[in-house]
């Protein structure tokens, strides 16, 4: 009985630490094409394969096209957000090259807590 309880506690601690990591605010500011961050900023092509550390990140293979909607700024300028088909998430700007710019003038806005939640299918995962 004690071993089962120890395992459950260990699983609970691991689950808690994982949820803290996946809801961590990556930056307080981001740059977008408009104040609502709904306008596509650019189209990029992957120059490397990328597998993100958790569900907030966009995974892709070399050569795939991604539409960029925002870029984290100030504290963490190396991450952009974009979509590939139905998938959406963060990715390192160094793993892509810009193919086409749609919006030249960027607007800096505060991030929201919901910017850093995992999206599974059509539902947000509140961890």
N, C-alpha and C. Protein backbone atom coordinates (compact mmCIF):
# COMPACT_ATOMS: atom_id res chain seq x y z
N UNK A 1 0.83 -1.19 0.00
CA UNK A 1 0.00 0.00 0.00
C UNK A 1 0.87 1.25 0.00
N UNK A 2 1.94 1.23 0.77
CA UNK A 2 2.84 2.37 0.85
C UNK A 2 3.51 2.67 -0.49
N UNK A 3 3.87 1.61 -1.23
CA UNK A 3 4.52 1.80 -2.54
C UNK A 3 3.55 2.43 -3.54
N UNK A 4 2.29 2.04 -3.49
CA UNK A 4 1.29 2.61 -4.39
C UNK A 4 1.09 4.09 -4.07
N UNK A 5 1.04 4.42 -2.80
CA UNK A 5 0.89 5.81 -2.39
C UNK A 5 2.10 6.63 -2.81
N UNK A 6 3.31 6.08 -2.64
CA UNK A 6 4.53 6.77 -3.07
C UNK A 6 4.52 7.05 -4.57
N UNK A 7 4.09 6.09 -5.35
CA UNK A 7 4.03 6.26 -6.82
C UNK A 7 3.01 7.33 -7.21
N UNK A 8 1.88 7.32 -6.53
CA UNK A 8 0.85 8.32 -6.83
C UNK A 8 1.35 9.72 -6.49
N UNK A 9 2.04 9.86 -5.39
CA UNK A 9 2.59 11.16 -5.02
C UNK A 9 3.63 11.60 -6.05
N UNK A 10 4.50 10.68 -6.47
CA UNK A 10 5.50 11.00 -7.48
C UNK A 10 4.83 11.43 -8.78
N UNK A 11 3.81 10.71 -9.22
CA UNK A 11 3.09 11.08 -10.44
C UNK A 11 2.42 12.45 -10.29
N UNK A 12 1.88 12.74 -9.14
CA UNK A 12 1.25 14.03 -8.88
C UNK A 12 2.28 15.16 -8.97
N UNK A 13 3.46 14.95 -8.38
CA UNK A 13 4.53 15.96 -8.43
C UNK A 13 4.99 16.18 -9.88
N UNK A 14 5.19 15.10 -10.63
CA UNK A 14 5.60 15.22 -12.03
C UNK A 14 4.54 15.96 -12.83
N UNK A 15 3.28 15.63 -12.63
CA UNK A 15 2.18 16.30 -13.34
C UNK A 15 2.15 17.78 -13.01
N UNK A 16 2.33 18.13 -11.74
CA UNK A 16 2.33 19.53 -11.32
C UNK A 16 3.48 20.30 -11.97
N UNK A 17 4.68 19.73 -11.96
CA UNK A 17 5.84 20.40 -12.56
C UNK A 17 5.67 20.57 -14.06
N UNK A 18 5.10 19.59 -14.72
CA UNK A 18 4.85 19.68 -16.16
C UNK A 18 3.84 20.78 -16.46
N UNK A 19 2.79 20.87 -15.64
CA UNK A 19 1.78 21.91 -15.89
C UNK A 19 2.36 23.30 -15.64
N UNK A 20 3.26 23.45 -14.68
CA UNK A 20 3.89 24.74 -14.47
C UNK A 20 4.71 25.16 -15.68
N UNK A 21 5.43 24.21 -16.27
CA UNK A 21 6.25 24.52 -17.43
C UNK A 21 5.38 24.90 -18.62
N UNK A 22 4.27 24.21 -18.82
CA UNK A 22 3.47 24.44 -20.01
C UNK A 22 2.55 25.65 -19.91
N UNK A 23 2.49 26.32 -18.76
CA UNK A 23 1.71 27.54 -18.66
C UNK A 23 2.60 28.75 -18.36
N UNK A 24 3.89 28.55 -18.42
CA UNK A 24 4.85 29.62 -18.15
C UNK A 24 4.72 30.72 -19.20
N UNK A 25 4.71 31.95 -18.75
CA UNK A 25 4.67 33.10 -19.65
C UNK A 25 6.03 33.22 -20.31
N UNK A 26 6.06 33.17 -21.62
CA UNK A 26 7.31 33.20 -22.37
C UNK A 26 7.81 34.62 -22.60
N UNK A 27 6.90 35.58 -22.60
CA UNK A 27 7.24 37.00 -22.75
C UNK A 27 6.02 37.84 -22.39
N UNK A 28 6.25 39.04 -21.93
CA UNK A 28 5.13 39.92 -21.60
C UNK A 28 4.66 40.74 -22.79
N UNK A 29 5.47 40.78 -23.85
CA UNK A 29 5.16 41.58 -25.04
C UNK A 29 5.27 40.75 -26.30
N UNK A 30 4.50 41.14 -27.31
CA UNK A 30 4.60 40.51 -28.63
C UNK A 30 4.33 41.56 -29.69
N UNK A 31 4.83 41.29 -30.88
CA UNK A 31 4.59 42.17 -32.03
C UNK A 31 3.64 41.45 -32.98
N UNK A 32 2.67 42.22 -33.50
CA UNK A 32 1.65 41.65 -34.37
C UNK A 32 1.40 42.58 -35.56
N UNK A 33 0.58 42.11 -36.47
CA UNK A 33 0.20 42.92 -37.62
C UNK A 33 -0.94 43.87 -37.32
N UNK A 34 -1.69 43.59 -36.24
CA UNK A 34 -2.77 44.47 -35.79
C UNK A 34 -2.91 44.29 -34.28
N UNK A 35 -3.73 45.13 -33.64
CA UNK A 35 -3.86 45.11 -32.18
C UNK A 35 -4.44 43.80 -31.65
N UNK A 36 -5.19 43.08 -32.46
CA UNK A 36 -5.80 41.81 -32.04
C UNK A 36 -4.96 40.59 -32.42
N UNK A 37 -3.89 40.82 -33.16
CA UNK A 37 -2.98 39.75 -33.62
C UNK A 37 -3.70 38.72 -34.47
N UNK A 38 -4.65 39.18 -35.28
CA UNK A 38 -5.41 38.28 -36.15
C UNK A 38 -4.94 38.29 -37.59
N UNK A 39 -4.15 39.30 -37.97
CA UNK A 39 -3.70 39.44 -39.35
C UNK A 39 -2.38 38.70 -39.54
N UNK A 40 -2.31 37.91 -40.60
CA UNK A 40 -1.06 37.21 -40.92
C UNK A 40 0.02 38.23 -41.24
N UNK A 41 1.20 38.04 -40.66
CA UNK A 41 2.31 38.97 -40.86
C UNK A 41 3.21 38.56 -42.02
N UNK A 42 3.45 37.25 -42.13
CA UNK A 42 4.35 36.78 -43.18
C UNK A 42 4.17 35.29 -43.42
N UNK A 43 4.77 34.83 -44.50
CA UNK A 43 4.84 33.41 -44.82
C UNK A 43 6.31 33.03 -44.78
N UNK A 44 6.61 31.96 -44.02
CA UNK A 44 7.99 31.51 -43.89
C UNK A 44 8.10 30.05 -44.30
N UNK A 45 9.32 29.63 -44.55
CA UNK A 45 9.58 28.23 -44.89
C UNK A 45 10.59 27.67 -43.89
N UNK A 46 10.34 26.46 -43.41
CA UNK A 46 11.23 25.82 -42.45
C UNK A 46 12.57 25.48 -43.10
N UNK A 47 13.64 25.87 -42.44
CA UNK A 47 14.99 25.55 -42.91
C UNK A 47 15.60 24.40 -42.11
N UNK A 48 14.85 23.92 -41.11
CA UNK A 48 15.29 22.81 -40.28
C UNK A 48 14.05 22.11 -39.71
N UNK A 49 14.20 20.85 -39.34
CA UNK A 49 13.14 20.16 -38.62
C UNK A 49 13.08 20.73 -37.21
N UNK A 50 11.85 20.81 -36.64
CA UNK A 50 11.72 21.33 -35.28
C UNK A 50 10.66 20.53 -34.53
N UNK A 51 11.02 20.09 -33.32
CA UNK A 51 10.11 19.40 -32.43
C UNK A 51 10.13 20.16 -31.11
N UNK A 52 9.02 20.81 -30.78
CA UNK A 52 8.95 21.65 -29.58
C UNK A 52 8.93 20.86 -28.29
N UNK A 53 9.24 21.53 -27.17
CA UNK A 53 9.31 20.86 -25.87
C UNK A 53 7.96 20.53 -25.24
N UNK A 54 6.88 21.19 -25.68
CA UNK A 54 5.55 20.87 -25.14
C UNK A 54 4.49 21.27 -26.17
N UNK A 55 3.22 21.14 -25.79
CA UNK A 55 2.11 21.31 -26.73
C UNK A 55 1.89 22.76 -27.17
N UNK A 56 2.60 23.71 -26.60
CA UNK A 56 2.46 25.10 -27.03
C UNK A 56 3.27 25.39 -28.29
N UNK A 57 4.11 24.48 -28.69
CA UNK A 57 5.03 24.70 -29.80
C UNK A 57 4.56 24.01 -31.07
N UNK A 58 4.90 24.61 -32.20
CA UNK A 58 4.56 24.09 -33.52
C UNK A 58 5.69 23.20 -34.00
N UNK A 59 5.37 21.96 -34.32
CA UNK A 59 6.35 21.02 -34.87
C UNK A 59 6.30 21.08 -36.39
N UNK A 60 7.45 20.99 -37.03
CA UNK A 60 7.47 21.00 -38.50
C UNK A 60 8.73 20.34 -39.03
N UNK A 61 8.69 20.06 -40.32
CA UNK A 61 9.82 19.47 -41.04
C UNK A 61 10.37 20.49 -42.02
N UNK A 62 11.62 20.32 -42.38
CA UNK A 62 12.28 21.21 -43.33
C UNK A 62 11.44 21.32 -44.61
N UNK A 63 11.29 22.55 -45.11
CA UNK A 63 10.55 22.79 -46.34
C UNK A 63 9.09 23.13 -46.15
N UNK A 64 8.52 22.88 -44.97
CA UNK A 64 7.10 23.19 -44.75
C UNK A 64 6.90 24.70 -44.62
N UNK A 65 5.72 25.16 -45.08
CA UNK A 65 5.39 26.58 -44.99
C UNK A 65 4.57 26.86 -43.74
N UNK A 66 4.84 28.01 -43.13
CA UNK A 66 4.18 28.43 -41.90
C UNK A 66 3.72 29.88 -42.09
N UNK A 67 2.52 30.19 -41.63
CA UNK A 67 2.02 31.56 -41.63
C UNK A 67 2.28 32.14 -40.24
N UNK A 68 2.97 33.28 -40.17
CA UNK A 68 3.35 33.92 -38.91
C UNK A 68 2.29 34.95 -38.52
N UNK A 69 1.84 34.88 -37.23
CA UNK A 69 0.83 35.82 -36.72
C UNK A 69 1.37 36.75 -35.65
N UNK A 70 2.41 36.35 -34.95
CA UNK A 70 3.01 37.24 -33.95
C UNK A 70 4.45 36.81 -33.67
N UNK A 71 5.17 37.74 -33.04
CA UNK A 71 6.57 37.52 -32.67
C UNK A 71 6.73 37.99 -31.23
N UNK A 72 7.22 37.13 -30.36
CA UNK A 72 7.47 37.58 -29.00
C UNK A 72 8.54 38.66 -29.04
N UNK A 73 8.47 39.61 -28.12
CA UNK A 73 9.43 40.71 -28.13
C UNK A 73 9.96 40.98 -26.73
N UNK A 74 10.97 41.84 -26.70
CA UNK A 74 11.67 42.26 -25.49
C UNK A 74 12.38 41.09 -24.81
N UNK A 75 11.72 40.41 -23.89
CA UNK A 75 12.36 39.37 -23.09
C UNK A 75 12.77 38.14 -23.91
N UNK A 76 12.00 37.80 -24.92
CA UNK A 76 12.20 36.54 -25.63
C UNK A 76 11.93 36.72 -27.12
N UNK A 77 12.81 37.38 -27.83
CA UNK A 77 12.58 37.72 -29.23
C UNK A 77 12.84 36.59 -30.21
N UNK A 78 13.30 35.45 -29.72
CA UNK A 78 13.63 34.37 -30.64
C UNK A 78 12.45 33.46 -30.99
N UNK A 79 11.28 33.68 -30.38
CA UNK A 79 10.12 32.85 -30.67
C UNK A 79 9.05 33.61 -31.44
N UNK A 80 8.54 32.96 -32.49
CA UNK A 80 7.41 33.48 -33.26
C UNK A 80 6.26 32.51 -33.11
N UNK A 81 5.03 32.98 -33.41
CA UNK A 81 3.87 32.09 -33.41
C UNK A 81 3.31 32.04 -34.81
N UNK A 82 2.84 30.86 -35.16
CA UNK A 82 2.29 30.70 -36.49
C UNK A 82 1.50 29.42 -36.63
N UNK A 83 0.99 29.23 -37.86
CA UNK A 83 0.18 28.04 -38.12
C UNK A 83 0.67 27.32 -39.36
N UNK A 84 0.43 26.02 -39.32
CA UNK A 84 0.73 25.12 -40.43
C UNK A 84 -0.47 24.22 -40.52
N UNK A 85 -1.33 24.45 -41.51
CA UNK A 85 -2.59 23.70 -41.55
C UNK A 85 -3.43 24.06 -40.32
N UNK A 86 -3.88 23.05 -39.57
CA UNK A 86 -4.67 23.29 -38.37
C UNK A 86 -3.81 23.43 -37.12
N UNK A 87 -2.52 23.20 -37.23
CA UNK A 87 -1.61 23.29 -36.08
C UNK A 87 -1.16 24.72 -35.87
N UNK A 88 -1.06 25.12 -34.60
CA UNK A 88 -0.67 26.47 -34.24
C UNK A 88 0.26 26.42 -33.04
N UNK A 89 1.30 27.26 -33.02
CA UNK A 89 2.17 27.29 -31.85
C UNK A 89 3.41 28.13 -32.05
N UNK A 90 4.28 28.07 -31.05
CA UNK A 90 5.54 28.81 -31.04
C UNK A 90 6.63 28.02 -31.75
N UNK A 91 7.57 28.73 -32.33
CA UNK A 91 8.72 28.10 -32.96
C UNK A 91 9.87 29.10 -33.00
N UNK A 92 11.11 28.61 -33.06
CA UNK A 92 12.25 29.53 -33.09
C UNK A 92 12.39 30.18 -34.47
N UNK A 93 12.59 31.48 -34.47
CA UNK A 93 12.71 32.20 -35.74
C UNK A 93 13.93 31.75 -36.53
N UNK A 94 14.93 31.19 -35.85
CA UNK A 94 16.13 30.73 -36.53
C UNK A 94 15.92 29.45 -37.33
N UNK A 95 14.77 28.80 -37.17
CA UNK A 95 14.49 27.55 -37.89
C UNK A 95 13.71 27.79 -39.18
N UNK A 96 13.50 29.09 -39.53
CA UNK A 96 12.74 29.42 -40.74
C UNK A 96 13.40 30.55 -41.51
N UNK A 97 13.00 30.69 -42.77
CA UNK A 97 13.41 31.86 -43.56
C UNK A 97 12.15 32.51 -44.10
N UNK A 98 12.14 33.83 -44.13
CA UNK A 98 10.97 34.58 -44.59
C UNK A 98 10.89 34.48 -46.11
N UNK A 99 9.72 34.07 -46.59
CA UNK A 99 9.46 33.95 -48.02
C UNK A 99 8.68 35.16 -48.55
N UNK A 100 7.71 35.63 -47.72
CA UNK A 100 6.86 36.75 -48.15
C UNK A 100 6.39 37.52 -46.93
N UNK A 101 6.51 38.84 -46.98
CA UNK A 101 6.05 39.70 -45.88
C UNK A 101 4.70 40.29 -46.27
N UNK A 102 3.69 40.10 -45.40
CA UNK A 102 2.36 40.66 -45.64
C UNK A 102 2.17 42.00 -44.94
N UNK A 103 2.75 42.13 -43.75
CA UNK A 103 2.61 43.35 -42.93
C UNK A 103 4.02 43.85 -42.59
N UNK A 104 4.35 45.04 -43.04
CA UNK A 104 5.68 45.58 -42.78
C UNK A 104 5.74 46.32 -41.44
N UNK A 105 4.65 46.98 -41.07
CA UNK A 105 4.62 47.76 -39.83
C UNK A 105 4.01 46.92 -38.71
N UNK A 106 4.82 46.62 -37.70
CA UNK A 106 4.38 45.78 -36.58
C UNK A 106 3.89 46.63 -35.42
N UNK A 107 2.92 46.10 -34.67
CA UNK A 107 2.35 46.75 -33.49
C UNK A 107 2.74 45.92 -32.28
N UNK A 108 3.29 46.56 -31.24
CA UNK A 108 3.66 45.83 -30.03
C UNK A 108 2.51 45.89 -29.03
N UNK A 109 2.11 44.73 -28.52
CA UNK A 109 1.00 44.64 -27.57
C UNK A 109 1.41 43.72 -26.42
N UNK A 110 0.71 43.87 -25.30
CA UNK A 110 0.93 42.99 -24.16
C UNK A 110 0.40 41.60 -24.47
N UNK A 111 1.09 40.57 -23.99
CA UNK A 111 0.58 39.22 -24.13
C UNK A 111 -0.51 38.99 -23.09
N UNK A 112 -1.28 37.93 -23.30
CA UNK A 112 -2.32 37.54 -22.36
C UNK A 112 -1.99 36.14 -21.85
N UNK A 113 -2.54 35.78 -20.73
CA UNK A 113 -2.31 34.44 -20.19
C UNK A 113 -2.74 33.37 -21.19
N UNK A 114 -3.80 33.63 -21.93
CA UNK A 114 -4.30 32.65 -22.89
C UNK A 114 -3.33 32.44 -24.07
N UNK A 115 -2.37 33.33 -24.25
CA UNK A 115 -1.37 33.14 -25.30
C UNK A 115 -0.47 31.94 -25.02
N UNK A 116 -0.44 31.49 -23.78
CA UNK A 116 0.51 30.45 -23.39
C UNK A 116 -0.16 29.16 -22.93
N UNK A 117 -1.40 28.97 -23.34
CA UNK A 117 -2.11 27.73 -23.03
C UNK A 117 -1.92 26.74 -24.17
N UNK A 118 -1.99 25.48 -23.85
CA UNK A 118 -1.91 24.45 -24.88
C UNK A 118 -3.25 24.32 -25.58
N UNK A 119 -3.21 24.13 -26.87
CA UNK A 119 -4.42 23.95 -27.65
C UNK A 119 -4.41 22.53 -28.20
N UNK A 120 -5.39 21.73 -27.76
CA UNK A 120 -5.51 20.36 -28.22
C UNK A 120 -6.77 20.27 -29.07
N UNK A 121 -6.61 20.06 -30.37
CA UNK A 121 -7.77 20.00 -31.25
C UNK A 121 -8.49 21.31 -31.24
N UNK A 122 -9.77 21.28 -30.87
CA UNK A 122 -10.58 22.50 -30.82
C UNK A 122 -10.76 23.03 -29.41
N UNK A 123 -10.05 22.46 -28.43
CA UNK A 123 -10.24 22.84 -27.04
C UNK A 123 -8.94 23.35 -26.43
N UNK A 124 -9.06 24.32 -25.53
CA UNK A 124 -7.91 24.77 -24.76
C UNK A 124 -7.69 23.81 -23.60
N UNK A 125 -6.44 23.50 -23.33
CA UNK A 125 -6.12 22.65 -22.17
C UNK A 125 -5.65 23.56 -21.05
N UNK A 126 -6.49 23.70 -20.03
CA UNK A 126 -6.12 24.48 -18.86
C UNK A 126 -5.44 23.52 -17.91
N UNK A 127 -4.13 23.64 -17.77
CA UNK A 127 -3.39 22.65 -16.98
C UNK A 127 -3.12 23.16 -15.60
